[in-house]
């Protein structure tokens, strides 16, 4: 009788161990970084590195052109707002995601 209880308790311990293992598997899956998120972050940092000097040159060129009367100041203001939207895209996306609770 004692041997039977020991086998039953060993089997119960094995069941508990397997249950704990199965519960830990999804946790390890969530610990990995998303490849899409990693790629998108890398692309964003690369694009901002390239866009920074180009944006500065565009603003200077448009301001000079508007100063001498070749284009409207509305174009300059529109370009500055567009550049601000490009460089502020991560913050804008985070703000919109916060609005919808995503």
Protein backbone atom coordinates (compact mmCIF):
# COMPACT_ATOMS: atom_id res chain seq x y z
CA UNK A 1 0.00 0.00 0.00
CA UNK A 2 2.82 2.40 0.84
CA UNK A 3 4.49 1.80 -2.54
CA UNK A 4 1.23 2.67 -4.32
CA UNK A 5 0.95 6.03 -2.48
CA UNK A 6 4.56 6.85 -3.35
CA UNK A 7 3.94 6.21 -7.05
CA UNK A 8 0.80 8.35 -6.89
CA UNK A 9 2.69 11.24 -5.25
CA UNK A 10 5.53 10.92 -7.78
CA UNK A 11 3.01 11.02 -10.60
CA UNK A 12 1.33 14.08 -9.04
CA UNK A 13 4.69 15.85 -8.74
CA UNK A 14 5.42 15.10 -12.39
CA UNK A 15 2.02 16.52 -13.38
CA UNK A 16 2.69 19.71 -11.44
CA UNK A 17 6.12 20.04 -13.07
CA UNK A 18 4.63 19.63 -16.57
CA UNK A 19 1.88 22.14 -15.81
CA UNK A 20 4.45 24.68 -14.64
CA UNK A 21 6.50 24.06 -17.79
CA UNK A 22 3.47 24.56 -20.03
CA UNK A 23 2.58 27.78 -18.24
CA UNK A 24 6.14 29.12 -18.67
CA UNK A 25 6.30 28.51 -22.44
CA UNK A 26 4.03 31.43 -23.48
CA UNK A 27 5.92 33.77 -21.15
CA UNK A 28 9.17 33.03 -22.95
CA UNK A 29 7.46 33.62 -26.30
CA UNK A 30 6.38 37.11 -25.25
CA UNK A 31 9.89 37.94 -24.07
CA UNK A 32 11.22 38.09 -27.63
CA UNK A 33 11.29 41.36 -29.55
CA UNK A 34 9.13 41.68 -32.64
CA UNK A 35 11.17 41.54 -35.86
CA UNK A 36 8.79 44.08 -37.42
CA UNK A 37 9.30 46.50 -34.54
CA UNK A 38 13.08 46.11 -34.73
CA UNK A 39 13.09 46.69 -38.51
CA UNK A 40 10.74 49.66 -38.30
CA UNK A 41 12.85 51.29 -35.60
CA UNK A 42 16.01 50.76 -37.64
CA UNK A 43 14.39 52.20 -40.78
CA UNK A 44 13.09 55.21 -38.85
CA UNK A 45 16.48 56.03 -37.36
CA UNK A 46 18.13 55.69 -40.78
CA UNK A 47 15.52 57.92 -42.45
CA UNK A 48 15.88 60.60 -39.76
CA UNK A 49 19.66 60.54 -40.14
CA UNK A 50 19.35 61.22 -43.86
CA UNK A 51 16.44 63.68 -43.58
CA UNK A 52 18.01 66.02 -41.02
CA UNK A 53 20.55 67.80 -43.28
CA UNK A 54 18.16 67.69 -46.25
CA UNK A 55 15.41 69.36 -44.22
CA UNK A 56 17.77 72.11 -43.10
CA UNK A 57 18.80 72.83 -46.68
CA UNK A 58 15.18 72.87 -47.87
CA UNK A 59 14.14 75.35 -45.17
CA UNK A 60 17.09 77.62 -46.01
CA UNK A 61 16.35 77.45 -49.74
CA UNK A 62 12.66 78.14 -49.31
CA UNK A 63 13.30 81.03 -46.91
CA UNK A 64 15.72 82.64 -49.37
CA UNK A 65 13.29 82.12 -52.26
CA UNK A 66 10.43 83.65 -50.23
CA UNK A 67 12.62 86.57 -49.13
CA UNK A 68 13.37 87.57 -52.71
CA UNK A 69 9.73 87.13 -53.71
CA UNK A 70 10.01 84.02 -55.89
CA UNK A 71 7.54 81.91 -53.86
CA UNK A 72 4.84 82.52 -51.31
CA UNK A 73 5.57 82.42 -47.58
CA UNK A 74 2.73 79.90 -47.34
CA UNK A 75 4.99 77.36 -49.04
CA UNK A 76 7.68 77.96 -46.45
CA UNK A 77 5.24 77.56 -43.55
CA UNK A 78 3.77 74.44 -45.17
CA UNK A 79 7.22 72.92 -45.64
CA UNK A 80 8.16 73.65 -42.03
CA UNK A 81 4.93 72.04 -40.79
CA UNK A 82 5.56 69.00 -43.02
CA UNK A 83 9.11 68.64 -41.72
CA UNK A 84 7.85 68.92 -38.15
CA UNK A 85 5.31 66.16 -38.88
CA UNK A 86 8.03 63.92 -40.33
CA UNK A 87 10.38 64.36 -37.39
CA UNK A 88 7.56 64.17 -34.86
CA UNK A 89 6.02 61.01 -36.37
CA UNK A 90 7.01 58.68 -33.49
CA UNK A 91 5.48 61.01 -30.91
CA UNK A 92 2.35 61.51 -33.04
CA UNK A 93 1.90 57.74 -33.43
CA UNK A 94 2.40 57.20 -29.69
CA UNK A 95 -0.18 59.91 -28.97
CA UNK A 96 -2.75 58.38 -31.35
CA UNK A 97 -2.14 54.89 -29.95
CA UNK A 98 -2.70 56.31 -26.47
CA UNK A 99 -6.02 57.82 -27.57
CA UNK A 100 -7.29 54.43 -28.72
CA UNK A 101 -5.71 52.42 -25.91
CA UNK A 102 -3.52 50.31 -28.16
